[in-house]
Amino acid sequence: MRQTADMEPEPKPTSAARTSLSRIMTSLDVNLLGTVHGGVVMKLVDDVAGAVAQRHSGGPAVTAAVDGMTFLEPVRVGDLVHAHAQVNWAGRTSMEVGVRVVAEPWDQAGVPPKHVATAYLVFVAVKPDGSPREVPPVVAETESDQRRGREARIRRRSRLASRQEIMASRESRVD
């Protein structure tokens, strides 16, 4: 990544940092209902999103927010779970990473994977001292990437408006 003190980081295409992680779910991953614990899936999501954020930004990045984590189907012991992630949007120091999680039986080749979860996480790129650093703009390569970018900007506006409304509520509260 070319960057000097005066220059913005060079833009990167969505495919540059796209990453997938996979793992087989075992009996150590189950909850009291006998399905895989949501926290296990969330850890996989945060791991793959962190890898994407760090690859896109060219260095350390930390989870700042989870805008959404939606569980669509249960995951079972023995499922081979794949988490696919990419940067949907990048601002000056933060970026949204979208993650799609699918599962398939470990012992059956050719079975179509089930979409089991979707998540949107916000990461901030950081310097060694922990202060924010600039990230490259993201370049959408497909219509799907453009849609993801539009939707990420909507989530960002909603997150910022919610934060502003909460702060205003706290300031006006009389104890």
N, C-alpha and C. Protein backbone atom coordinates (compact mmCIF):
# COMPACT_ATOMS: atom_id res chain seq x y z
N MET A 1 0.85 -1.17 0.00
CA MET A 1 0.00 0.00 0.00
C MET A 1 0.90 1.23 0.00
N ARG A 2 0.75 2.05 -1.03
CA ARG A 2 1.52 3.28 -1.08
C ARG A 2 0.82 4.34 -0.25
N GLN A 3 1.59 4.96 0.64
CA GLN A 3 1.02 6.03 1.44
C GLN A 3 2.17 6.84 2.02
N THR A 4 2.00 8.16 1.93
CA THR A 4 2.94 9.06 2.61
C THR A 4 2.14 9.85 3.61
N ALA A 5 2.80 10.71 4.34
CA ALA A 5 2.10 11.50 5.37
C ALA A 5 1.00 12.36 4.77
N ASP A 6 1.16 12.80 3.50
CA ASP A 6 0.19 13.71 2.88
C ASP A 6 -0.86 12.99 2.04
N MET A 7 -0.64 11.72 1.72
CA MET A 7 -1.51 11.01 0.78
C MET A 7 -2.49 10.09 1.49
N GLU A 8 -3.64 9.92 0.84
CA GLU A 8 -4.58 8.91 1.30
C GLU A 8 -4.06 7.55 0.89
N PRO A 9 -4.44 6.50 1.62
CA PRO A 9 -4.07 5.16 1.18
C PRO A 9 -4.67 4.87 -0.20
N GLU A 10 -3.98 4.08 -0.98
CA GLU A 10 -4.44 3.72 -2.32
C GLU A 10 -5.68 2.82 -2.22
N PRO A 11 -6.74 3.11 -2.99
CA PRO A 11 -7.96 2.28 -2.95
C PRO A 11 -7.67 0.81 -3.26
N LYS A 12 -8.48 -0.07 -2.65
CA LYS A 12 -8.35 -1.51 -2.88
C LYS A 12 -9.70 -2.07 -3.31
N PRO A 13 -9.69 -3.02 -4.25
CA PRO A 13 -10.94 -3.66 -4.65
C PRO A 13 -11.46 -4.59 -3.55
N THR A 14 -12.76 -4.86 -3.59
CA THR A 14 -13.37 -5.73 -2.57
C THR A 14 -12.72 -7.10 -2.54
N SER A 15 -12.26 -7.58 -3.68
CA SER A 15 -11.66 -8.92 -3.74
C SER A 15 -10.29 -8.99 -3.07
N ALA A 16 -9.63 -7.86 -2.85
CA ALA A 16 -8.26 -7.86 -2.32
C ALA A 16 -8.16 -8.47 -0.93
N ALA A 17 -9.17 -8.30 -0.10
CA ALA A 17 -9.10 -8.79 1.29
C ALA A 17 -10.12 -9.88 1.58
N ARG A 18 -10.96 -10.22 0.59
CA ARG A 18 -12.00 -11.23 0.81
C ARG A 18 -11.36 -12.50 1.37
N THR A 19 -11.97 -13.06 2.42
CA THR A 19 -11.39 -14.21 3.11
C THR A 19 -12.48 -15.15 3.60
N SER A 20 -12.14 -16.42 3.72
CA SER A 20 -13.05 -17.43 4.29
C SER A 20 -12.31 -18.24 5.34
N LEU A 21 -13.01 -18.61 6.38
CA LEU A 21 -12.49 -19.54 7.39
C LEU A 21 -13.52 -20.66 7.53
N SER A 22 -13.03 -21.87 7.79
CA SER A 22 -13.92 -23.02 7.94
C SER A 22 -13.50 -23.85 9.13
N ARG A 23 -14.49 -24.51 9.73
CA ARG A 23 -14.17 -25.47 10.79
C ARG A 23 -15.32 -26.45 10.98
N ILE A 24 -14.97 -27.63 11.44
CA ILE A 24 -15.97 -28.65 11.75
C ILE A 24 -16.41 -28.44 13.19
N MET A 25 -17.72 -28.44 13.40
CA MET A 25 -18.26 -28.26 14.74
C MET A 25 -18.26 -29.61 15.47
N THR A 26 -17.83 -29.58 16.73
CA THR A 26 -17.70 -30.81 17.52
C THR A 26 -18.60 -30.76 18.74
N SER A 27 -18.58 -31.82 19.50
CA SER A 27 -19.40 -31.89 20.72
C SER A 27 -18.97 -30.85 21.74
N LEU A 28 -17.76 -30.30 21.62
CA LEU A 28 -17.31 -29.24 22.53
C LEU A 28 -17.99 -27.91 22.24
N ASP A 29 -18.66 -27.80 21.08
CA ASP A 29 -19.25 -26.54 20.63
C ASP A 29 -20.75 -26.41 20.94
N VAL A 30 -21.36 -27.43 21.56
CA VAL A 30 -22.82 -27.43 21.70
C VAL A 30 -23.30 -26.69 22.94
N ASN A 31 -24.55 -26.23 22.83
CA ASN A 31 -25.22 -25.60 23.95
C ASN A 31 -26.13 -26.63 24.63
N LEU A 32 -26.94 -26.20 25.56
CA LEU A 32 -27.81 -27.12 26.29
C LEU A 32 -28.91 -27.73 25.44
N LEU A 33 -29.17 -27.15 24.26
CA LEU A 33 -30.19 -27.68 23.36
C LEU A 33 -29.62 -28.71 22.39
N GLY A 34 -28.30 -28.91 22.43
CA GLY A 34 -27.68 -29.88 21.56
C GLY A 34 -27.28 -29.35 20.19
N THR A 35 -27.44 -28.06 19.98
CA THR A 35 -26.98 -27.43 18.74
C THR A 35 -25.76 -26.59 19.07
N VAL A 36 -25.08 -26.12 18.03
CA VAL A 36 -23.86 -25.35 18.25
C VAL A 36 -24.21 -24.01 18.90
N HIS A 37 -23.46 -23.67 19.93
CA HIS A 37 -23.66 -22.43 20.68
C HIS A 37 -23.45 -21.23 19.76
N GLY A 38 -24.33 -20.24 19.84
CA GLY A 38 -24.21 -19.04 19.02
C GLY A 38 -22.89 -18.33 19.20
N GLY A 39 -22.33 -18.39 20.41
CA GLY A 39 -21.06 -17.74 20.68
C GLY A 39 -19.90 -18.36 19.89
N VAL A 40 -20.00 -19.65 19.60
CA VAL A 40 -18.97 -20.31 18.80
C VAL A 40 -19.01 -19.75 17.38
N VAL A 41 -20.22 -19.60 16.85
CA VAL A 41 -20.38 -19.03 15.51
C VAL A 41 -19.93 -17.57 15.51
N MET A 42 -20.27 -16.84 16.56
CA MET A 42 -19.86 -15.43 16.66
C MET A 42 -18.34 -15.29 16.68
N LYS A 43 -17.65 -16.19 17.37
CA LYS A 43 -16.18 -16.15 17.40
C LYS A 43 -15.61 -16.37 16.01
N LEU A 44 -16.15 -17.33 15.27
CA LEU A 44 -15.70 -17.57 13.90
C LEU A 44 -15.94 -16.33 13.03
N VAL A 45 -17.10 -15.71 13.22
CA VAL A 45 -17.44 -14.49 12.47
C VAL A 45 -16.44 -13.37 12.79
N ASP A 46 -16.15 -13.15 14.07
CA ASP A 46 -15.21 -12.09 14.45
C ASP A 46 -13.80 -12.40 13.94
N ASP A 47 -13.41 -13.67 13.97
CA ASP A 47 -12.09 -14.05 13.46
C ASP A 47 -11.95 -13.74 11.97
N VAL A 48 -12.92 -14.16 11.17
CA VAL A 48 -12.80 -13.94 9.72
C VAL A 48 -12.95 -12.46 9.39
N ALA A 49 -13.83 -11.75 10.09
CA ALA A 49 -13.99 -10.31 9.84
C ALA A 49 -12.72 -9.56 10.22
N GLY A 50 -12.09 -9.94 11.32
CA GLY A 50 -10.84 -9.31 11.73
C GLY A 50 -9.74 -9.54 10.71
N ALA A 51 -9.67 -10.75 10.17
CA ALA A 51 -8.66 -11.03 9.14
C ALA A 51 -8.88 -10.15 7.92
N VAL A 52 -10.13 -10.00 7.50
CA VAL A 52 -10.45 -9.15 6.35
C VAL A 52 -10.10 -7.69 6.63
N ALA A 53 -10.49 -7.20 7.81
CA ALA A 53 -10.22 -5.80 8.15
C ALA A 53 -8.72 -5.52 8.19
N GLN A 54 -7.96 -6.44 8.74
CA GLN A 54 -6.51 -6.23 8.82
C GLN A 54 -5.86 -6.34 7.44
N ARG A 55 -6.34 -7.25 6.62
CA ARG A 55 -5.80 -7.36 5.26
C ARG A 55 -6.12 -6.11 4.45
N HIS A 56 -7.37 -5.62 4.56
CA HIS A 56 -7.76 -4.42 3.80
C HIS A 56 -6.97 -3.20 4.26
N SER A 57 -6.84 -3.06 5.57
CA SER A 57 -6.20 -1.85 6.11
C SER A 57 -4.68 -1.93 6.12
N GLY A 58 -4.14 -3.11 5.92
CA GLY A 58 -2.70 -3.26 5.91
C GLY A 58 -2.05 -3.23 7.28
N GLY A 59 -2.78 -3.62 8.30
CA GLY A 59 -2.24 -3.62 9.65
C GLY A 59 -3.31 -3.89 10.67
N PRO A 60 -3.01 -3.65 11.95
CA PRO A 60 -3.96 -3.96 13.02
C PRO A 60 -5.28 -3.21 12.88
N ALA A 61 -6.36 -3.93 13.19
CA ALA A 61 -7.70 -3.35 13.22
C ALA A 61 -8.46 -4.04 14.33
N VAL A 62 -9.29 -3.30 15.03
CA VAL A 62 -10.03 -3.84 16.17
C VAL A 62 -11.53 -3.73 15.94
N THR A 63 -12.27 -4.66 16.52
CA THR A 63 -13.73 -4.65 16.43
C THR A 63 -14.26 -3.46 17.22
N ALA A 64 -15.03 -2.61 16.57
CA ALA A 64 -15.61 -1.45 17.23
C ALA A 64 -17.10 -1.64 17.50
N ALA A 65 -17.77 -2.39 16.63
CA ALA A 65 -19.21 -2.59 16.80
C ALA A 65 -19.64 -3.81 16.00
N VAL A 66 -20.72 -4.42 16.46
CA VAL A 66 -21.40 -5.45 15.69
C VAL A 66 -22.76 -4.84 15.35
N ASP A 67 -22.93 -4.49 14.09
CA ASP A 67 -24.20 -3.86 13.68
C ASP A 67 -25.34 -4.86 13.61
N GLY A 68 -25.02 -6.09 13.41
CA GLY A 68 -26.06 -7.10 13.36
C GLY A 68 -25.48 -8.48 13.30
N MET A 69 -26.13 -9.41 13.99
CA MET A 69 -25.77 -10.82 13.92
C MET A 69 -27.09 -11.56 13.90
N THR A 70 -27.42 -12.11 12.75
CA THR A 70 -28.69 -12.79 12.59
C THR A 70 -28.45 -14.28 12.39
N PHE A 71 -29.06 -15.09 13.25
CA PHE A 71 -28.97 -16.54 13.13
C PHE A 71 -30.21 -17.02 12.38
N LEU A 72 -30.01 -17.73 11.29
CA LEU A 72 -31.12 -18.13 10.42
C LEU A 72 -31.52 -19.60 10.58
N GLU A 73 -30.54 -20.45 10.85
CA GLU A 73 -30.75 -21.90 10.98
C GLU A 73 -29.82 -22.41 12.08
N PRO A 74 -30.22 -23.47 12.78
CA PRO A 74 -29.29 -24.04 13.77
C PRO A 74 -28.12 -24.73 13.08
N VAL A 75 -26.99 -24.74 13.77
CA VAL A 75 -25.81 -25.46 13.31
C VAL A 75 -25.68 -26.68 14.21
N ARG A 76 -25.35 -27.81 13.61
CA ARG A 76 -25.31 -29.07 14.36
C ARG A 76 -23.89 -29.61 14.47
N VAL A 77 -23.68 -30.44 15.45
CA VAL A 77 -22.40 -31.12 15.60
C VAL A 77 -22.13 -31.89 14.31
N GLY A 78 -20.90 -31.78 13.82
CA GLY A 78 -20.52 -32.45 12.59
C GLY A 78 -20.67 -31.58 11.36
N ASP A 79 -21.33 -30.43 11.48
CA ASP A 79 -21.43 -29.54 10.32
C ASP A 79 -20.07 -28.92 10.03
N LEU A 80 -19.77 -28.81 8.76
CA LEU A 80 -18.61 -28.06 8.30
C LEU A 80 -19.11 -26.64 8.06
N VAL A 81 -18.63 -25.71 8.86
CA VAL A 81 -19.12 -24.32 8.81
C VAL A 81 -18.08 -23.45 8.12
N HIS A 82 -18.56 -22.65 7.16
CA HIS A 82 -17.70 -21.73 6.40
C HIS A 82 -18.18 -20.31 6.65
N ALA A 83 -17.28 -19.43 7.02
CA ALA A 83 -17.60 -18.00 7.19
C ALA A 83 -16.86 -17.24 6.10
N HIS A 84 -17.62 -16.55 5.24
CA HIS A 84 -17.07 -15.81 4.11
C HIS A 84 -17.24 -14.31 4.41
N ALA A 85 -16.16 -13.54 4.27
CA ALA A 85 -16.23 -12.12 4.66
C ALA A 85 -15.56 -11.23 3.62
N GLN A 86 -16.05 -9.98 3.57
CA GLN A 86 -15.43 -8.96 2.72
C GLN A 86 -15.75 -7.59 3.28
N VAL A 87 -14.93 -6.61 2.90
CA VAL A 87 -15.19 -5.22 3.28
C VAL A 87 -16.32 -4.72 2.39
N ASN A 88 -17.37 -4.19 3.02
CA ASN A 88 -18.50 -3.63 2.29
C ASN A 88 -18.36 -2.13 2.06
N TRP A 89 -17.72 -1.46 3.02
CA TRP A 89 -17.60 0.00 3.00
C TRP A 89 -16.38 0.38 3.82
N ALA A 90 -15.70 1.43 3.41
CA ALA A 90 -14.59 1.95 4.21
C ALA A 90 -14.71 3.46 4.30
N GLY A 91 -14.53 3.97 5.51
CA GLY A 91 -14.49 5.41 5.75
C GLY A 91 -13.06 5.86 5.90
N ARG A 92 -12.84 6.86 6.72
CA ARG A 92 -11.48 7.38 6.91
C ARG A 92 -10.63 6.43 7.76
N THR A 93 -11.19 5.96 8.90
CA THR A 93 -10.43 5.06 9.78
C THR A 93 -11.20 3.78 10.10
N SER A 94 -12.43 3.69 9.67
CA SER A 94 -13.23 2.51 9.99
C SER A 94 -13.74 1.85 8.72
N MET A 95 -14.19 0.62 8.88
CA MET A 95 -14.73 -0.13 7.74
C MET A 95 -15.77 -1.12 8.24
N GLU A 96 -16.76 -1.39 7.38
CA GLU A 96 -17.74 -2.42 7.69
C GLU A 96 -17.35 -3.69 6.95
N VAL A 97 -17.37 -4.79 7.68
CA VAL A 97 -17.11 -6.10 7.10
C VAL A 97 -18.40 -6.92 7.20
N GLY A 98 -18.84 -7.45 6.08
CA GLY A 98 -20.00 -8.33 6.05
C GLY A 98 -19.55 -9.78 6.06
N VAL A 99 -20.28 -10.62 6.81
CA VAL A 99 -19.93 -12.03 6.92
C VAL A 99 -21.17 -12.87 6.64
N ARG A 100 -21.01 -13.84 5.77
CA ARG A 100 -22.06 -14.82 5.47
C ARG A 100 -21.56 -16.17 5.96
N VAL A 101 -22.37 -16.84 6.79
CA VAL A 101 -21.98 -18.13 7.36
C VAL A 101 -22.88 -19.21 6.77
N VAL A 102 -22.25 -20.26 6.25
CA VAL A 102 -22.99 -21.39 5.70
C VAL A 102 -22.50 -22.67 6.36
N ALA A 103 -23.35 -23.70 6.36
CA ALA A 103 -23.00 -24.98 6.97
C ALA A 103 -23.41 -26.11 6.04
N GLU A 104 -22.61 -27.16 6.06
CA GLU A 104 -22.92 -28.35 5.29
C GLU A 104 -22.50 -29.57 6.10
N PRO A 105 -23.15 -30.71 5.87
CA PRO A 105 -22.74 -31.92 6.60
C PRO A 105 -21.31 -32.30 6.24
N TRP A 106 -20.51 -32.64 7.24
CA TRP A 106 -19.10 -32.96 7.01
C TRP A 106 -18.93 -34.25 6.22
N ASP A 107 -19.91 -35.14 6.29
CA ASP A 107 -19.75 -36.46 5.70
C ASP A 107 -20.52 -36.66 4.39
N GLN A 108 -21.03 -35.58 3.80
CA GLN A 108 -21.81 -35.70 2.57
C GLN A 108 -21.33 -34.68 1.54
N ALA A 109 -20.58 -35.14 0.57
CA ALA A 109 -20.11 -34.25 -0.49
C ALA A 109 -21.27 -33.93 -1.44
N GLY A 110 -21.26 -32.71 -1.94
CA GLY A 110 -22.26 -32.31 -2.94
C GLY A 110 -23.56 -31.80 -2.37
N VAL A 111 -23.71 -31.80 -1.06
CA VAL A 111 -24.93 -31.27 -0.45
C VAL A 111 -24.81 -29.75 -0.43
N PRO A 112 -25.82 -29.05 -0.94
CA PRO A 112 -25.72 -27.58 -0.94
C PRO A 112 -25.63 -27.02 0.48
N PRO A 113 -24.73 -26.07 0.72
CA PRO A 113 -24.63 -25.48 2.05
C PRO A 113 -25.88 -24.68 2.41
N LYS A 114 -26.22 -24.69 3.72
CA LYS A 114 -27.34 -23.89 4.23
C LYS A 114 -26.79 -22.55 4.72
N HIS A 115 -27.47 -21.48 4.40
CA HIS A 115 -27.13 -20.16 4.93
C HIS A 115 -27.62 -20.14 6.37
N VAL A 116 -26.70 -20.07 7.35
CA VAL A 116 -27.08 -20.19 8.75
C VAL A 116 -26.98 -18.89 9.54
N ALA A 117 -26.20 -17.92 9.05
CA ALA A 117 -26.07 -16.66 9.79
C ALA A 117 -25.49 -15.58 8.89
N THR A 118 -25.79 -14.34 9.26
CA THR A 118 -25.24 -13.16 8.59
C THR A 118 -24.86 -12.16 9.66
N ALA A 119 -23.75 -11.46 9.44
CA ALA A 119 -23.31 -10.48 10.43
C ALA A 119 -22.65 -9.30 9.73
N TYR A 120 -22.72 -8.14 10.40
CA TYR A 120 -22.06 -6.92 9.95
C TYR A 120 -21.28 -6.35 11.12
N LEU A 121 -19.97 -6.21 10.94
CA LEU A 121 -19.10 -5.72 12.00
C LEU A 121 -18.37 -4.47 11.53
N VAL A 122 -18.12 -3.56 12.47
CA VAL A 122 -17.35 -2.36 12.18
C VAL A 122 -15.99 -2.50 12.85
N PHE A 123 -14.95 -2.25 12.08
CA PHE A 123 -13.58 -2.30 12.58
C PHE A 123 -12.93 -0.93 12.43
N VAL A 124 -12.04 -0.61 13.34
CA VAL A 124 -11.24 0.60 13.26
C VAL A 124 -9.79 0.16 13.15
N ALA A 125 -9.09 0.71 12.15
CA ALA A 125 -7.66 0.45 12.00
C ALA A 125 -6.92 1.26 13.05
N VAL A 126 -5.91 0.64 13.67
CA VAL A 126 -5.20 1.32 14.75
C VAL A 126 -3.69 1.32 14.54
N LYS A 127 -3.07 2.38 15.07
CA LYS A 127 -1.61 2.50 15.12
C LYS A 127 -1.11 1.72 16.33
N PRO A 128 0.20 1.54 16.46
CA PRO A 128 0.73 0.83 17.64
C PRO A 128 0.30 1.43 18.98
N ASP A 129 0.07 2.75 19.02
CA ASP A 129 -0.34 3.38 20.28
C ASP A 129 -1.85 3.27 20.52
N GLY A 130 -2.56 2.62 19.59
CA GLY A 130 -4.01 2.44 19.75
C GLY A 130 -4.86 3.52 19.13
N SER A 131 -4.25 4.58 18.62
CA SER A 131 -5.03 5.64 17.98
C SER A 131 -5.43 5.21 16.57
N PRO A 132 -6.54 5.75 16.05
CA PRO A 132 -7.00 5.36 14.72
C PRO A 132 -6.01 5.77 13.63
N ARG A 133 -5.98 4.97 12.57
CA ARG A 133 -5.18 5.31 11.40
C ARG A 133 -6.05 5.18 10.16
N GLU A 134 -5.66 5.84 9.08
CA GLU A 134 -6.46 5.84 7.85
C GLU A 134 -6.46 4.47 7.19
N VAL A 135 -7.59 4.17 6.53
CA VAL A 135 -7.73 2.93 5.78
C VAL A 135 -7.95 3.26 4.31
N PRO A 136 -7.61 2.33 3.43
CA PRO A 136 -7.85 2.57 2.00
C PRO A 136 -9.34 2.60 1.69
N PRO A 137 -9.74 3.43 0.74
CA PRO A 137 -11.12 3.33 0.25
C PRO A 137 -11.32 1.95 -0.38
N VAL A 138 -12.55 1.47 -0.38
CA VAL A 138 -12.85 0.19 -1.00
C VAL A 138 -13.50 0.45 -2.36
N VAL A 139 -13.10 -0.32 -3.35
CA VAL A 139 -13.62 -0.18 -4.71
C VAL A 139 -14.54 -1.37 -5.00
N ALA A 140 -15.83 -1.09 -5.21
CA ALA A 140 -16.79 -2.14 -5.53
C ALA A 140 -16.49 -2.68 -6.93
N GLU A 141 -16.51 -4.00 -7.05
CA GLU A 141 -16.20 -4.63 -8.34
C GLU A 141 -17.42 -5.17 -9.06
N THR A 142 -18.50 -5.43 -8.32
CA THR A 142 -19.70 -6.02 -8.92
C THR A 142 -20.93 -5.24 -8.47
N GLU A 143 -22.05 -5.55 -9.08
CA GLU A 143 -23.32 -4.94 -8.64
C GLU A 143 -23.63 -5.33 -7.20
N SER A 144 -23.31 -6.57 -6.83
CA SER A 144 -23.52 -7.02 -5.46
C SER A 144 -22.66 -6.21 -4.49
N ASP A 145 -21.40 -5.94 -4.87
CA ASP A 145 -20.53 -5.12 -4.04
C ASP A 145 -21.10 -3.71 -3.89
N GLN A 146 -21.65 -3.16 -4.97
CA GLN A 146 -22.24 -1.82 -4.91
C GLN A 146 -23.44 -1.80 -3.96
N ARG A 147 -24.29 -2.85 -4.06
CA ARG A 147 -25.45 -2.97 -3.15
C ARG A 147 -24.97 -3.06 -1.71
N ARG A 148 -23.95 -3.87 -1.45
CA ARG A 148 -23.41 -4.02 -0.09
C ARG A 148 -22.91 -2.68 0.44
N GLY A 149 -22.26 -1.90 -0.43
CA GLY A 149 -21.78 -0.58 -0.03
C GLY A 149 -22.92 0.36 0.32
N ARG A 150 -23.97 0.36 -0.50
CA ARG A 150 -25.14 1.21 -0.22
C ARG A 150 -25.76 0.84 1.12
N GLU A 151 -25.95 -0.46 1.34
CA GLU A 151 -26.57 -0.93 2.58
C GLU A 151 -25.68 -0.64 3.79
N ALA A 152 -24.37 -0.73 3.62
CA ALA A 152 -23.44 -0.42 4.71
C ALA A 152 -23.56 1.05 5.10
N ARG A 153 -23.70 1.94 4.11
CA ARG A 153 -23.85 3.37 4.42
C ARG A 153 -25.16 3.63 5.17
N ILE A 154 -26.21 2.88 4.84
CA ILE A 154 -27.48 3.00 5.56
C ILE A 154 -27.29 2.57 7.03
N ARG A 155 -26.62 1.43 7.23
CA ARG A 155 -26.37 0.97 8.61
C ARG A 155 -25.53 1.98 9.37
N ARG A 156 -24.56 2.58 8.70
CA ARG A 156 -23.69 3.58 9.37
C ARG A 156 -24.52 4.80 9.78
N ARG A 157 -25.34 5.31 8.87
CA ARG A 157 -26.18 6.47 9.22
C ARG A 157 -27.09 6.13 10.39
N SER A 158 -27.65 4.94 10.39
CA SER A 158 -28.54 4.52 11.47
C SER A 158 -27.78 4.41 12.79
N ARG A 159 -26.58 3.84 12.75
CA ARG A 159 -25.75 3.70 13.96
C ARG A 159 -25.40 5.07 14.53
N LEU A 160 -24.99 6.01 13.65
CA LEU A 160 -24.60 7.35 14.11
C LEU A 160 -25.81 8.12 14.64
N ALA A 161 -26.95 7.99 13.97
CA ALA A 161 -28.17 8.68 14.43
C ALA A 161 -28.61 8.13 15.79
N SER A 162 -28.52 6.82 15.96
CA SER A 162 -28.89 6.20 17.23
C SER A 162 -27.97 6.69 18.34
N ARG A 163 -26.67 6.72 18.06
CA ARG A 163 -25.71 7.21 19.06
C ARG A 163 -26.02 8.65 19.44
N GLN A 164 -26.30 9.48 18.45
CA GLN A 164 -26.60 10.89 18.70
C GLN A 164 -27.87 11.04 19.54
N GLU A 165 -28.89 10.24 19.22
CA GLU A 165 -30.14 10.31 19.97
C GLU A 165 -29.94 9.85 21.42
N ILE A 166 -29.14 8.81 21.62
CA ILE A 166 -28.86 8.34 22.99
C ILE A 166 -28.11 9.40 23.78
N MET A 167 -27.09 10.02 23.16
CA MET A 167 -26.33 11.05 23.85
C MET A 167 -27.23 12.25 24.22
N ALA A 168 -28.11 12.64 23.31
CA ALA A 168 -29.04 13.74 23.58
C ALA A 168 -29.96 13.37 24.73
N SER A 169 -30.42 12.13 24.77
CA SER A 169 -31.29 11.67 25.84
C SER A 169 -30.57 11.72 27.20
N ARG A 170 -29.29 11.34 27.20
CA ARG A 170 -28.54 11.37 28.44
C ARG A 170 -28.31 12.80 28.94
N GLU A 171 -28.10 13.72 28.00
CA GLU A 171 -27.86 15.11 28.38
C GLU A 171 -29.12 15.80 28.92
N SER A 172 -30.29 15.35 28.41
CA SER A 172 -31.52 16.00 28.83
C SER A 172 -32.14 15.35 30.07
N ARG A 173 -31.59 14.23 30.50
CA ARG A 173 -32.16 13.52 31.64
C ARG A 173 -31.91 14.29 32.93
N VAL A 174 -32.95 14.40 33.73
CA VAL A 174 -32.86 15.05 35.03
C VAL A 174 -32.96 13.96 36.10
N ASP A 175 -31.90 13.85 36.92
CA ASP A 175 -31.92 12.83 37.99
C ASP A 175 -32.41 13.39 39.27
